[in-house]
Protein backbone atom coordinates (compact mmCIF):
# COMPACT_ATOMS: atom_id res chain seq x y z
CA MET A 1 22.96 14.47 -24.45
CA GLN A 2 20.79 17.66 -25.48
CA GLN A 3 18.43 18.61 -22.96
CA ILE A 4 14.96 19.82 -23.30
CA ASP A 5 14.14 23.43 -22.51
CA SER A 6 11.96 23.25 -19.58
CA ASP A 7 12.13 27.40 -18.57
CA LYS A 8 8.29 27.32 -19.67
CA GLN A 9 6.90 24.22 -17.75
CA HIS A 10 3.85 24.77 -15.77
CA LEU A 11 4.25 23.19 -12.12
CA ILE A 12 1.63 20.50 -12.06
CA VAL A 13 0.53 20.26 -8.73
CA ASP A 14 -2.62 18.92 -7.08
CA ARG A 15 -4.82 20.40 -4.15
CA MET A 16 -2.81 18.44 -1.61
CA GLY A 17 0.49 20.23 -2.63
CA ARG A 18 1.70 17.17 -4.36
CA ARG A 19 3.65 17.17 -7.53
CA PHE A 20 5.64 14.23 -9.49
CA ARG A 21 9.48 14.50 -8.55
CA ASN A 22 10.57 10.55 -8.60
CA LEU A 23 9.99 8.61 -11.55
CA ARG A 24 10.48 4.65 -11.54
CA LEU A 25 11.41 3.68 -14.78
CA SER A 26 10.88 0.01 -15.73
CA LEU A 27 13.10 -1.53 -18.50
CA THR A 28 11.22 -4.61 -18.63
CA ALA A 29 8.50 -6.62 -16.95
CA ALA A 30 10.51 -9.90 -17.26
CA CYS A 31 12.00 -11.31 -14.15
CA ASN A 32 14.59 -14.12 -13.27
CA TYR A 33 12.79 -14.81 -9.74
CA ALA A 34 9.04 -15.70 -9.12
CA CYS A 35 8.84 -14.42 -5.68
CA THR A 36 5.87 -15.86 -3.69
CA TYR A 37 4.63 -12.44 -2.70
CA CYS A 38 4.90 -11.22 -6.19
CA VAL A 39 3.38 -13.99 -8.49
CA PRO A 40 1.45 -16.97 -8.36
CA ASP A 41 2.27 -20.45 -8.69
CA GLY A 42 5.89 -19.89 -9.56
CA LYS A 43 5.10 -18.13 -12.96
CA ARG A 44 7.91 -16.13 -14.04
CA LEU A 45 7.15 -12.75 -15.67
CA GLN A 46 7.83 -12.39 -19.17
CA ALA A 47 8.81 -9.07 -21.24
CA ALA A 48 6.18 -7.11 -22.09
CA ALA A 49 4.90 -7.01 -25.90
CA TYR A 50 6.00 -3.76 -27.66
CA GLU A 51 8.46 -2.78 -24.94
CA LEU A 52 9.91 0.69 -25.65
CA SER A 53 13.32 1.13 -27.36
CA GLY A 54 16.04 2.32 -25.34
CA GLU A 55 16.07 5.61 -27.43
CA GLU A 56 12.23 5.88 -26.43
CA ILE A 57 12.85 5.11 -22.65
CA VAL A 58 15.77 7.96 -22.52
CA ARG A 59 13.39 10.37 -24.49
CA ALA A 60 10.41 9.58 -22.05
CA THR A 61 12.85 10.42 -19.46
CA GLN A 62 13.76 13.48 -21.13
CA LEU A 63 10.35 14.89 -21.72
CA LEU A 64 9.20 13.82 -18.12
CA ILE A 65 11.95 15.81 -16.55
CA ALA A 66 11.17 18.98 -18.79
CA THR A 67 7.31 18.77 -18.22
CA ALA A 68 6.85 17.43 -14.60
CA GLY A 69 10.19 18.46 -13.27
CA ILE A 70 11.60 14.97 -12.31
CA ASP A 71 14.56 15.22 -10.41
CA LYS A 72 14.84 11.56 -9.32
CA VAL A 73 14.99 8.57 -11.48
CA ARG A 74 15.11 4.94 -10.14
CA ILE A 75 15.63 2.21 -12.86
CA THR A 76 13.70 -0.88 -12.15
CA GLY A 77 11.75 -3.99 -13.71
CA GLY A 78 10.57 -6.51 -13.48
CA GLU A 79 14.52 -7.43 -13.12
CA PRO A 80 16.39 -4.66 -14.85
CA LEU A 81 19.22 -6.10 -15.32
CA LEU A 82 17.75 -8.84 -17.51
CA SER A 83 17.15 -6.33 -20.23
CA PRO A 84 19.70 -6.12 -23.05
CA LYS A 85 18.97 -2.35 -23.23
CA PHE A 86 20.28 -1.79 -19.60
CA PRO A 87 24.15 -0.58 -20.64
CA ALA A 88 22.74 1.51 -23.12
CA ILE A 89 19.62 3.33 -21.13
CA LEU A 90 22.04 3.50 -17.85
CA GLN A 91 24.49 5.51 -20.09
CA GLY A 92 21.67 7.61 -21.70
CA ILE A 93 19.92 8.37 -18.17
CA MET A 94 23.16 9.22 -16.49
CA ASP A 95 23.85 11.81 -19.27
CA LEU A 96 20.67 13.85 -18.73
CA GLY A 97 22.55 15.75 -15.61
CA LEU A 98 20.23 14.40 -12.76
CA THR A 99 21.87 14.21 -9.48
CA ASP A 100 19.76 11.34 -8.33
CA VAL A 101 19.87 8.19 -10.27
CA SER A 102 19.55 4.87 -8.31
CA LEU A 103 18.77 0.92 -9.22
CA THR A 104 16.55 -1.63 -7.80
CA THR A 105 17.58 -5.30 -8.33
CA ASN A 106 17.35 -8.53 -7.02
CA GLY A 107 21.20 -8.64 -7.22
CA GLN A 108 21.59 -12.06 -8.97
CA LEU A 109 23.38 -10.24 -12.26
CA LEU A 110 25.20 -7.67 -10.17
CA PRO A 111 28.64 -9.48 -10.57
CA ARG A 112 28.00 -9.29 -14.17
CA TYR A 113 27.21 -5.57 -14.71
CA ALA A 114 29.15 -4.32 -11.61
CA ARG A 115 31.75 -2.55 -13.60
CA GLY A 116 29.69 -0.63 -15.69
CA ILE A 117 27.38 0.48 -12.90
CA ILE A 118 30.00 1.86 -10.93
CA ASP A 119 32.08 3.58 -14.01
CA SER A 120 28.61 4.97 -14.75
CA GLY A 121 28.72 7.34 -11.68
CA MET A 122 25.37 6.06 -10.16
CA GLN A 123 25.80 6.65 -6.33
CA ARG A 124 23.29 4.41 -4.89
CA ILE A 125 21.52 1.09 -5.15
CA ASN A 126 18.57 -0.98 -3.84
CA VAL A 127 18.94 -4.60 -3.37
CA SER A 128 16.07 -7.03 -2.85
CA LEU A 129 16.89 -9.84 -0.23
CA ASP A 130 14.33 -11.45 1.96
CA THR A 131 16.48 -13.99 3.92
CA LEU A 132 20.16 -15.10 4.70
CA ASN A 133 19.00 -18.76 4.85
CA ARG A 134 20.01 -20.60 1.26
CA GLU A 135 17.06 -22.81 1.27
CA ARG A 136 14.56 -20.34 2.20
CA PHE A 137 15.94 -18.11 -0.30
CA ARG A 138 15.24 -20.49 -3.21
CA GLU A 139 11.77 -21.14 -1.39
CA ILE A 140 10.75 -17.35 -1.72
CA ALA A 141 12.57 -16.58 -4.84
CA ARG A 142 11.94 -19.98 -6.52
CA SER A 143 15.47 -19.04 -8.23
CA GLY A 144 18.47 -17.67 -8.10
CA ASP A 145 21.94 -18.15 -5.46
CA LEU A 146 22.20 -16.18 -2.27
CA ASN A 147 26.15 -16.34 -2.52
CA THR A 148 25.91 -14.41 -6.00
CA VAL A 149 23.56 -11.61 -4.52
CA LEU A 150 25.94 -11.23 -1.45
CA HIS A 151 28.85 -11.28 -3.55
CA GLY A 152 27.04 -8.33 -5.61
CA ILE A 153 26.18 -6.59 -2.84
CA GLU A 154 30.15 -6.50 -1.79
CA LEU A 155 30.95 -5.33 -5.35
CA MET A 156 28.77 -2.33 -5.20
CA GLN A 157 30.36 -1.32 -1.53
CA ALA A 158 33.72 -1.82 -2.95
CA GLY A 159 32.65 0.39 -5.75
CA GLY A 160 31.70 3.18 -3.55
CA LEU A 161 28.03 2.92 -3.87
CA LYS A 162 25.59 3.11 -1.00
CA VAL A 163 23.77 0.08 -0.67
CA LYS A 164 19.98 -0.52 0.74
CA ILE A 165 18.47 -3.73 1.04
CA ASN A 166 14.74 -4.17 0.79
CA MET A 167 13.10 -7.09 3.06
CA VAL A 168 9.68 -8.07 2.78
CA PRO A 169 9.19 -9.82 6.27
CA MET A 170 6.32 -12.34 6.07
CA HIS A 171 4.92 -14.13 9.18
CA GLY A 172 5.72 -17.70 9.25
CA VAL A 173 7.80 -17.60 6.17
CA ASN A 174 11.03 -15.60 6.95
CA ASP A 175 9.78 -13.44 10.04
CA ASP A 176 12.74 -15.09 11.73
CA GLN A 177 15.34 -13.28 9.52
CA ILE A 178 14.60 -10.07 10.58
CA LEU A 179 16.94 -9.79 13.23
CA PRO A 180 19.85 -11.54 11.30
CA LEU A 181 19.62 -9.61 8.23
CA LEU A 182 19.05 -6.13 10.22
CA GLU A 183 22.82 -7.52 12.23
CA TYR A 184 24.25 -8.30 8.70
CA ALA A 185 23.13 -4.83 7.25
CA LEU A 186 24.47 -2.73 10.47
CA GLU A 187 27.49 -4.99 10.41
CA ARG A 188 28.40 -3.15 6.63
CA ASN A 189 27.00 0.04 6.97
CA ILE A 190 23.74 -0.99 4.67
CA GLU A 191 20.51 0.59 5.75
CA LEU A 192 17.88 -2.13 5.60
CA ARG A 193 14.26 -1.52 4.89
CA PHE A 194 11.37 -3.65 5.91
CA ILE A 195 8.31 -3.42 3.43
CA GLU A 196 4.91 -4.32 4.74
CA LEU A 197 3.16 -6.87 2.37
CA MET A 198 1.24 -5.04 -0.17
CA ASN A 199 -2.23 -6.07 -0.97
CA MET A 200 -2.01 -5.84 -4.57
CA GLY A 201 -1.74 -8.63 -7.57
CA HIS A 202 -2.57 -12.23 -6.72
CA LEU A 203 -2.66 -11.15 -2.92
CA GLN A 204 -5.63 -9.01 -2.84
CA ALA A 205 -8.36 -10.26 -1.11
CA SER A 206 -6.55 -13.57 -0.84
CA PRO A 207 -6.50 -15.59 2.39
CA ALA A 208 -2.33 -15.29 2.12
CA TYR A 209 -2.06 -11.73 2.55
CA ALA A 210 -3.92 -11.71 5.92
CA GLN A 211 -1.95 -14.86 7.18
CA GLU A 212 1.39 -13.52 6.09
CA PHE A 213 1.08 -9.88 6.93
CA PHE A 214 3.46 -8.58 9.06
CA SER A 215 2.95 -5.36 10.61
CA MET A 216 5.03 -2.15 11.54
CA GLU A 217 4.46 -2.72 15.19
CA GLN A 218 5.45 -6.40 14.86
CA ILE A 219 8.64 -5.77 13.21
CA LEU A 220 9.42 -2.86 15.85
CA ASP A 221 8.53 -5.55 18.70
CA ARG A 222 11.08 -7.75 17.12
CA ILE A 223 13.67 -5.60 16.79
CA GLY A 224 13.21 -4.23 20.31
CA LYS A 225 14.33 -7.44 21.73
CA GLN A 226 17.85 -6.99 20.86
CA TYR A 227 18.19 -3.30 20.09
CA THR A 228 17.40 0.12 21.43
CA PHE A 229 16.27 2.59 18.92
CA SER A 230 14.36 5.71 18.28
CA ARG A 231 12.42 7.45 15.22
CA THR A 232 14.73 9.98 13.31
CA ASP A 233 13.77 12.43 10.46
CA ALA A 234 13.10 11.23 6.97
CA PRO A 235 12.62 13.20 3.51
CA PHE A 236 9.16 14.76 3.19
CA ASP A 237 8.38 12.36 0.41
CA SER A 238 10.45 9.16 1.89
CA THR A 239 8.25 6.16 1.77
CA ALA A 240 10.02 4.89 4.70
CA VAL A 241 9.99 5.85 8.33
CA ARG A 242 13.57 5.78 9.66
CA TYR A 243 14.90 4.58 12.99
CA GLU A 244 18.38 4.97 14.17
CA ILE A 245 20.21 2.39 16.55
CA PRO A 246 22.49 4.46 18.51
CA GLY A 247 26.03 4.08 17.57
CA SER A 248 25.31 1.18 15.04
CA GLY A 249 23.35 2.60 12.31
CA THR A 250 19.79 3.05 10.66
CA PHE A 251 16.83 0.98 9.55
CA GLY A 252 13.25 1.87 7.63
CA ILE A 253 9.93 0.61 7.19
CA ILE A 254 7.89 1.05 4.17
CA ALA A 255 4.56 0.77 6.25
CA ASN A 256 1.93 0.77 3.68
CA GLU A 257 -0.69 -0.36 5.65
CA SER A 258 0.09 1.10 9.30
CA GLU A 259 1.42 4.34 8.23
CA PRO A 260 0.32 5.17 4.79
CA PHE A 261 2.62 7.75 3.08
CA CYS A 262 -0.03 8.74 0.24
CA ARG A 263 -0.39 12.46 1.25
CA ASN A 264 3.54 12.94 0.79
CA CYS A 265 3.71 10.66 -2.54
CA THR A 266 5.96 12.32 -5.55
CA ARG A 267 6.14 8.96 -7.57
CA LEU A 268 5.36 8.56 -11.00
CA ARG A 269 6.01 5.15 -12.88
CA LEU A 270 6.52 4.45 -16.66
CA SER A 271 6.06 0.62 -17.70
CA SER A 272 8.37 -1.01 -20.27
CA ASN A 273 5.92 -0.60 -22.96
CA GLY A 274 5.34 3.12 -22.51
CA ALA A 275 2.25 3.26 -19.74
CA LEU A 276 2.27 6.00 -17.46
CA TYR A 277 1.07 5.50 -13.83
CA GLY A 278 0.21 8.09 -11.33
CA CYS A 279 -0.40 5.80 -8.31
CA LEU A 280 -0.12 1.97 -7.49
CA SER A 281 -3.51 1.82 -5.85
CA SER A 282 -5.01 2.59 -9.66
CA ALA A 283 -4.80 0.39 -12.52
CA ARG A 284 -5.69 3.39 -14.84
CA SER A 285 -2.87 4.36 -17.23
CA THR A 286 -1.84 6.41 -20.42
CA ASN A 287 0.62 5.28 -23.00
CA ILE A 288 2.52 7.97 -24.00
CA ARG A 289 4.68 5.99 -27.13
CA GLN A 290 3.08 7.93 -29.73
CA LEU A 291 3.97 11.29 -28.30
CA LEU A 292 7.65 10.37 -27.98
CA ALA A 293 7.90 11.34 -31.84
CA LEU A 294 6.44 14.63 -31.67
CA PRO A 295 8.63 17.70 -31.22
CA ASP A 296 9.58 18.81 -28.15
CA ALA A 297 7.03 21.60 -27.70
CA GLU A 298 4.08 19.33 -28.99
CA ALA A 299 5.20 16.59 -26.89
CA GLN A 300 5.41 18.56 -23.68
CA VAL A 301 1.78 20.06 -24.21
CA GLU A 302 0.12 16.45 -24.74
CA LEU A 303 2.16 15.22 -21.77
CA HIS A 304 1.34 18.03 -19.58
CA GLN A 305 -2.40 16.58 -19.56
CA VAL A 306 -1.36 13.12 -19.49
CA LEU A 307 0.26 14.07 -16.16
CA LEU A 308 -2.60 16.27 -14.69
CA GLY A 309 -4.71 12.77 -15.27
CA ALA A 310 -1.99 10.78 -13.48
CA LEU A 311 -1.78 13.16 -10.57
CA ALA A 312 -5.44 13.21 -10.05
CA ASP A 313 -5.31 9.17 -9.55
CA LYS A 314 -3.35 9.57 -6.31
CA GLN A 315 -5.06 8.30 -3.28
CA SER A 316 -5.71 10.89 -0.51
CA GLU A 317 -5.18 8.98 2.54
CA ASN A 318 -3.93 5.59 2.49
CA PHE A 319 -3.11 2.57 -0.33
CA GLN A 320 -6.27 0.94 -1.21
CA GLY A 321 -4.94 -2.17 -3.24
CA GLU A 322 -4.99 -2.96 -6.58
CA VAL A 323 -4.88 -6.21 -8.84
CA THR A 324 -2.07 -4.81 -10.77
CA VAL A 325 1.40 -6.51 -10.24
CA MET A 326 3.87 -4.14 -9.10
CA LYS A 327 6.71 -5.65 -11.15
CA PHE A 328 4.70 -4.61 -14.44
CA ILE A 329 4.67 -1.08 -13.60
CA GLY A 330 8.19 -0.24 -11.92
CA GLY A 331 8.62 -1.69 -8.76
């Protein structure tokens, strides 16, 4: 695929030295799960109206690479494997020459797409998994089959991909799964990442958020009952605080509330219908669909201005919460 010339790109940097490097690319807002921490009342998310075509998504990614200097792309949703555009988009993104392309999925459809993902050359994948208990799995996800997800993880590892598992521990819901999931991950050389419950969507200002929130301190206290660990280095723009268990492996905690990472955030999100978001704490966005049809030079000039606004939306210190549902804007 032809690359857009980015030799003349002007680096877009804010007063805190932040720039956009990491693009979260939502293929669809639809999801085959209805996780309790994501949507209310078991209502499954549907595809957004007027989704970008596969060609438009790849074109947008090209332009963002050239204009912002994006060097990492994570394909997300909703659930990206639900999108019929996934195979073509995966190939199109892989053809752009990036060295870091990854996928976040709930894993339910991994067995179906395993061969294509492996053959694409993708090196790593994140799978959301909140419990190893089959009944609890259905209660949290309100759909799906645990064995299918575990099989998908096995296929990814057998195909040579590095796998990370994302778990959202919730007080009184699945916090008893912290140690079983960690043991499962360590035995398979998988890095488990605990994600603090986020104060957004239907949970914002809800009593359920305060009741279910399980902090970084509580997670570490629970792990410390069975393992000895020490904090280790992580990339400067990593969302996760990483810990090493000597002789066993590593785990991470994405501590949105306990140890915010806003000061180092390099993430940019493109929704499936073309809205560009600079920050999860802001519902502001700009739709870039129209500029995708412009010639390269003109499109980059317009996109540069959009990106300046998106970067200005970033929080300076910590996540403030927003009514926006994360699944709509790229995981």
